[in-house]
Amino acid sequence: MTKQTFELTELPETYVAGLALRSNNRTEQELKEQGWIAKTWEEVRQMEGPNLPAAIYTGYAGDKDDNFTLVIGFQRESADDFKIGEVISKVPAGKYARFSHKGSLPNAAIEAWQAVWQAEEEGTLDRAYSADLEMHEGSNENINDLTVELYIAIK
């Protein structure tokens, strides 16, 4: 019997404005020098944001092994709440699987995503691959003690 590592929750419509990139998990994990996610998070962490650091994964070409679009920045109040040069993305309101991991970056984020992939592999999570939200709760200056929360769209 598999252990469920997430809880089902309702998420309100959520916006993130920031920097956009297109990548895939193979590039980010196996070809790290060519990856953009860690570099973009590092750049965003140097910025002052109005809210919590966050990211939206969207534009999936297929499943976890295919390309996706990622907007990394800060949570925003509405679709009109962004600065010149930022891209804004939205996670629609609905039911999501919530994964939470506390620790230091990047380990907490990596462990959270590994839990998602494991639940999917085990058949306890049926992902929609529409739009997923990653939030970093805690101090933006102290990446050694924060909570990474993932809200994964489900079918």
C-alpha atoms as a PDB file:
ATOM      1  CA  MET A   1       0.000   0.000   0.000  1.00  0.00           C
ATOM      2  CA  THR A   2       1.375   3.420  -0.981  1.00  0.00           C
ATOM      3  CA  LYS A   3       1.491   6.379   1.362  1.00  0.00           C
ATOM      4  CA  GLN A   4      -0.289   9.520   0.163  1.00  0.00           C
ATOM      5  CA  THR A   5       2.130  12.435   0.425  1.00  0.00           C
ATOM      6  CA  PHE A   6      -0.327  15.183  -0.501  1.00  0.00           C
ATOM      7  CA  GLU A   7      -3.684  16.613   0.430  1.00  0.00           C
ATOM      8  CA  LEU A   8      -6.496  17.721  -1.845  1.00  0.00           C
ATOM      9  CA  THR A   9      -7.339  21.395  -1.472  1.00  0.00           C
ATOM     10  CA  GLU A  10      -9.225  24.229  -3.144  1.00  0.00           C
ATOM     11  CA  LEU A  11      -7.011  26.962  -4.553  1.00  0.00           C
ATOM     12  CA  PRO A  12      -8.326  30.400  -5.507  1.00  0.00           C
ATOM     13  CA  GLU A  13      -7.324  31.950  -8.819  1.00  0.00           C
ATOM     14  CA  THR A  14      -3.652  32.868  -8.353  1.00  0.00           C
ATOM     15  CA  TYR A  15      -1.336  35.092 -10.390  1.00  0.00           C
ATOM     16  CA  VAL A  16       2.450  35.204 -10.633  1.00  0.00           C
ATOM     17  CA  ALA A  17       4.384  37.928 -12.449  1.00  0.00           C
ATOM     18  CA  GLY A  18       8.073  37.694 -13.224  1.00  0.00           C
ATOM     19  CA  LEU A  19      10.519  36.121 -15.637  1.00  0.00           C
ATOM     20  CA  ALA A  20       9.482  33.454 -18.142  1.00  0.00           C
ATOM     21  CA  LEU A  21      11.431  30.524 -19.551  1.00  0.00           C
ATOM     22  CA  ARG A  22      10.782  27.314 -21.475  1.00  0.00           C
ATOM     23  CA  SER A  23      12.556  24.120 -20.422  1.00  0.00           C
ATOM     24  CA  ASN A  24      12.102  20.454 -19.529  1.00  0.00           C
ATOM     25  CA  ASN A  25      13.083  18.257 -16.591  1.00  0.00           C
ATOM     26  CA  ARG A  26      15.848  16.399 -18.464  1.00  0.00           C
ATOM     27  CA  THR A  27      17.696  19.632 -19.229  1.00  0.00           C
ATOM     28  CA  GLU A  28      17.257  20.903 -15.680  1.00  0.00           C
ATOM     29  CA  GLN A  29      18.361  17.653 -13.999  1.00  0.00           C
ATOM     30  CA  GLU A  30      20.924  16.104 -16.321  1.00  0.00           C
ATOM     31  CA  LEU A  31      22.325  19.102 -18.200  1.00  0.00           C
ATOM     32  CA  LYS A  32      22.352  21.577 -15.318  1.00  0.00           C
ATOM     33  CA  GLU A  33      24.775  23.982 -17.013  1.00  0.00           C
ATOM     34  CA  GLN A  34      22.177  24.431 -19.777  1.00  0.00           C
ATOM     35  CA  GLY A  35      19.228  24.705 -17.397  1.00  0.00           C
ATOM     36  CA  TRP A  36      17.441  27.923 -16.600  1.00  0.00           C
ATOM     37  CA  ILE A  37      15.326  27.265 -13.532  1.00  0.00           C
ATOM     38  CA  ALA A  38      18.009  27.603 -10.815  1.00  0.00           C
ATOM     39  CA  LYS A  39      19.536  30.631 -12.575  1.00  0.00           C
ATOM     40  CA  THR A  40      16.157  32.334 -12.866  1.00  0.00           C
ATOM     41  CA  TRP A  41      15.232  31.654  -9.224  1.00  0.00           C
ATOM     42  CA  GLU A  42      18.594  33.133  -8.209  1.00  0.00           C
ATOM     43  CA  GLU A  43      17.883  36.258 -10.253  1.00  0.00           C
ATOM     44  CA  VAL A  44      14.367  36.616  -8.835  1.00  0.00           C
ATOM     45  CA  ARG A  45      15.676  36.236  -5.264  1.00  0.00           C
ATOM     46  CA  GLN A  46      17.804  39.363  -5.847  1.00  0.00           C
ATOM     47  CA  MET A  47      14.645  41.352  -6.650  1.00  0.00           C
ATOM     48  CA  GLU A  48      12.284  42.980  -4.204  1.00  0.00           C
ATOM     49  CA  GLY A  49       8.836  41.567  -4.649  1.00  0.00           C
ATOM     50  CA  PRO A  50       5.496  42.701  -3.318  1.00  0.00           C
ATOM     51  CA  ASN A  51       4.487  39.225  -2.123  1.00  0.00           C
ATOM     52  CA  LEU A  52       5.770  35.667  -1.735  1.00  0.00           C
ATOM     53  CA  PRO A  53       8.197  34.247  -4.318  1.00  0.00           C
ATOM     54  CA  ALA A  54       6.273  31.880  -6.567  1.00  0.00           C
ATOM     55  CA  ALA A  55       6.277  30.159  -9.951  1.00  0.00           C
ATOM     56  CA  ILE A  56       3.671  28.844 -12.359  1.00  0.00           C
ATOM     57  CA  TYR A  57       4.360  25.849 -14.575  1.00  0.00           C
ATOM     58  CA  THR A  58       2.116  25.926 -17.643  1.00  0.00           C
ATOM     59  CA  GLY A  59       2.086  25.284 -21.368  1.00  0.00           C
ATOM     60  CA  TYR A  60       2.978  21.633 -20.917  1.00  0.00           C
ATOM     61  CA  ALA A  61       3.774  19.949 -24.248  1.00  0.00           C
ATOM     62  CA  GLY A  62       2.765  16.591 -22.750  1.00  0.00           C
ATOM     63  CA  ASP A  63       3.763  15.105 -19.411  1.00  0.00           C
ATOM     64  CA  LYS A  64       6.630  15.594 -16.939  1.00  0.00           C
ATOM     65  CA  ASP A  65       9.192  14.584 -19.557  1.00  0.00           C
ATOM     66  CA  ASP A  66       8.170  17.220 -22.115  1.00  0.00           C
ATOM     67  CA  ASN A  67       8.732  20.970 -22.389  1.00  0.00           C
ATOM     68  CA  PHE A  68       6.850  23.429 -20.187  1.00  0.00           C
ATOM     69  CA  THR A  69       6.724  27.180 -19.694  1.00  0.00           C
ATOM     70  CA  LEU A  70       7.656  28.542 -16.298  1.00  0.00           C
ATOM     71  CA  VAL A  71       7.017  32.027 -14.912  1.00  0.00           C
ATOM     72  CA  ILE A  72       9.150  32.687 -11.826  1.00  0.00           C
ATOM     73  CA  GLY A  73       8.506  35.809  -9.792  1.00  0.00           C
ATOM     74  CA  PHE A  74       6.096  36.891  -7.105  1.00  0.00           C
ATOM     75  CA  GLN A  75       2.442  36.301  -6.348  1.00  0.00           C
ATOM     76  CA  ARG A  76       0.202  39.113  -7.586  1.00  0.00           C
ATOM     77  CA  GLU A  77      -3.320  40.261  -6.780  1.00  0.00           C
ATOM     78  CA  SER A  78      -4.735  40.392 -10.310  1.00  0.00           C
ATOM     79  CA  ALA A  79      -3.950  40.072 -14.016  1.00  0.00           C
ATOM     80  CA  ASP A  80      -3.250  43.835 -14.050  1.00  0.00           C
ATOM     81  CA  ASP A  81      -0.681  43.691 -11.216  1.00  0.00           C
ATOM     82  CA  PHE A  82       2.664  43.543 -13.014  1.00  0.00           C
ATOM     83  CA  LYS A  83       5.587  45.778 -14.015  1.00  0.00           C
ATOM     84  CA  ILE A  84       6.929  46.570 -17.460  1.00  0.00           C
ATOM     85  CA  GLY A  85       9.132  43.686 -18.590  1.00  0.00           C
ATOM     86  CA  GLU A  86       7.354  41.066 -16.482  1.00  0.00           C
ATOM     87  CA  VAL A  87       5.238  38.215 -17.787  1.00  0.00           C
ATOM     88  CA  ILE A  88       2.089  37.366 -15.859  1.00  0.00           C
ATOM     89  CA  SER A  89       0.555  33.917 -15.622  1.00  0.00           C
ATOM     90  CA  LYS A  90      -2.542  32.526 -13.904  1.00  0.00           C
ATOM     91  CA  VAL A  91      -3.439  29.303 -12.127  1.00  0.00           C
ATOM     92  CA  PRO A  92      -7.227  28.911 -12.328  1.00  0.00           C
ATOM     93  CA  ALA A  93      -9.293  28.360  -9.208  1.00  0.00           C
ATOM     94  CA  GLY A  94     -10.062  24.717  -8.548  1.00  0.00           C
ATOM     95  CA  LYS A  95      -9.105  21.508  -6.780  1.00  0.00           C
ATOM     96  CA  TYR A  96      -5.370  20.814  -6.508  1.00  0.00           C
ATOM     97  CA  ALA A  97      -3.061  18.302  -4.858  1.00  0.00           C
ATOM     98  CA  ARG A  98      -0.937  20.186  -2.304  1.00  0.00           C
ATOM     99  CA  PHE A  99       2.593  18.954  -1.553  1.00  0.00           C
ATOM    100  CA  SER A 100       4.662  20.687   1.139  1.00  0.00           C
ATOM    101  CA  HIS A 101       8.349  20.323   2.028  1.00  0.00           C
ATOM    102  CA  LYS A 102      10.318  22.346   4.570  1.00  0.00           C
ATOM    103  CA  GLY A 103      14.063  22.841   4.383  1.00  0.00           C
ATOM    104  CA  SER A 104      16.695  24.663   2.393  1.00  0.00           C
ATOM    105  CA  LEU A 105      16.765  25.474  -1.285  1.00  0.00           C
ATOM    106  CA  PRO A 106      17.123  23.853  -3.670  1.00  0.00           C
ATOM    107  CA  ASN A 107      16.592  20.593  -1.707  1.00  0.00           C
ATOM    108  CA  ALA A 108      13.089  21.432  -0.456  1.00  0.00           C
ATOM    109  CA  ALA A 109      11.900  22.170  -4.005  1.00  0.00           C
ATOM    110  CA  ILE A 110      13.590  19.082  -5.447  1.00  0.00           C
ATOM    111  CA  GLU A 111      12.075  16.845  -2.748  1.00  0.00           C
ATOM    112  CA  ALA A 112       8.618  18.333  -3.302  1.00  0.00           C
ATOM    113  CA  TRP A 113       8.788  17.682  -7.054  1.00  0.00           C
ATOM    114  CA  GLN A 114      10.139  14.165  -6.494  1.00  0.00           C
ATOM    115  CA  ALA A 115       7.123  13.460  -4.272  1.00  0.00           C
ATOM    116  CA  VAL A 116       4.841  14.627  -7.106  1.00  0.00           C
ATOM    117  CA  TRP A 117       6.533  12.349  -9.650  1.00  0.00           C
ATOM    118  CA  GLN A 118       6.500   9.411  -7.235  1.00  0.00           C
ATOM    119  CA  ALA A 119       2.771   9.829  -6.507  1.00  0.00           C
ATOM    120  CA  GLU A 120       2.122  10.018 -10.231  1.00  0.00           C
ATOM    121  CA  GLU A 121       4.215   6.888 -10.858  1.00  0.00           C
ATOM    122  CA  GLU A 122       2.380   5.022  -8.088  1.00  0.00           C
ATOM    123  CA  GLY A 123      -0.978   5.998  -9.565  1.00  0.00           C
ATOM    124  CA  THR A 124      -2.173   8.022  -6.552  1.00  0.00           C
ATOM    125  CA  LEU A 125      -1.979  11.304  -8.493  1.00  0.00           C
ATOM    126  CA  ASP A 126      -3.654  11.912 -11.858  1.00  0.00           C
ATOM    127  CA  ARG A 127      -2.165  15.188 -13.101  1.00  0.00           C
ATOM    128  CA  ALA A 128      -3.986  17.482 -15.509  1.00  0.00           C
ATOM    129  CA  TYR A 129      -0.796  19.155 -16.830  1.00  0.00           C
ATOM    130  CA  SER A 130      -2.604  22.472 -17.175  1.00  0.00           C
ATOM    131  CA  ALA A 131      -1.056  24.881 -14.636  1.00  0.00           C
ATOM    132  CA  ASP A 132       0.810  24.131 -11.398  1.00  0.00           C
ATOM    133  CA  LEU A 133       1.851  26.585  -8.683  1.00  0.00           C
ATOM    134  CA  GLU A 134       5.075  26.563  -6.627  1.00  0.00           C
ATOM    135  CA  MET A 135       5.253  28.908  -3.631  1.00  0.00           C
ATOM    136  CA  HIS A 136       8.182  29.616  -1.318  1.00  0.00           C
ATOM    137  CA  GLU A 137       6.987  30.597   2.148  1.00  0.00           C
ATOM    138  CA  GLY A 138       9.506  32.097   4.531  1.00  0.00           C
ATOM    139  CA  SER A 139      12.214  34.679   4.282  1.00  0.00           C
ATOM    140  CA  ASN A 140      13.440  35.486   0.790  1.00  0.00           C
ATOM    141  CA  GLU A 141      16.847  36.203   2.320  1.00  0.00           C
ATOM    142  CA  ASN A 142      17.091  32.905   4.228  1.00  0.00           C
ATOM    143  CA  ILE A 143      16.881  30.090   1.709  1.00  0.00           C
ATOM    144  CA  ASN A 144      17.983  27.617   4.398  1.00  0.00           C
ATOM    145  CA  ASP A 145      14.664  27.647   6.264  1.00  0.00           C
ATOM    146  CA  LEU A 146      11.537  27.879   4.167  1.00  0.00           C
ATOM    147  CA  THR A 147       8.601  25.844   3.013  1.00  0.00           C
ATOM    148  CA  VAL A 148       8.026  24.929  -0.627  1.00  0.00           C
ATOM    149  CA  GLU A 149       4.394  24.317  -1.430  1.00  0.00           C
ATOM    150  CA  LEU A 150       3.303  22.813  -4.741  1.00  0.00           C
ATOM    151  CA  TYR A 151      -0.270  22.976  -5.966  1.00  0.00           C
ATOM    152  CA  ILE A 152      -0.601  20.384  -8.735  1.00  0.00           C
ATOM    153  CA  ALA A 153      -3.577  20.498 -11.109  1.00  0.00           C
ATOM    154  CA  ILE A 154      -5.490  17.229 -11.068  1.00  0.00           C
ATOM    155  CA  LYS A 155      -8.039  15.641 -13.400  1.00  0.00           C
END
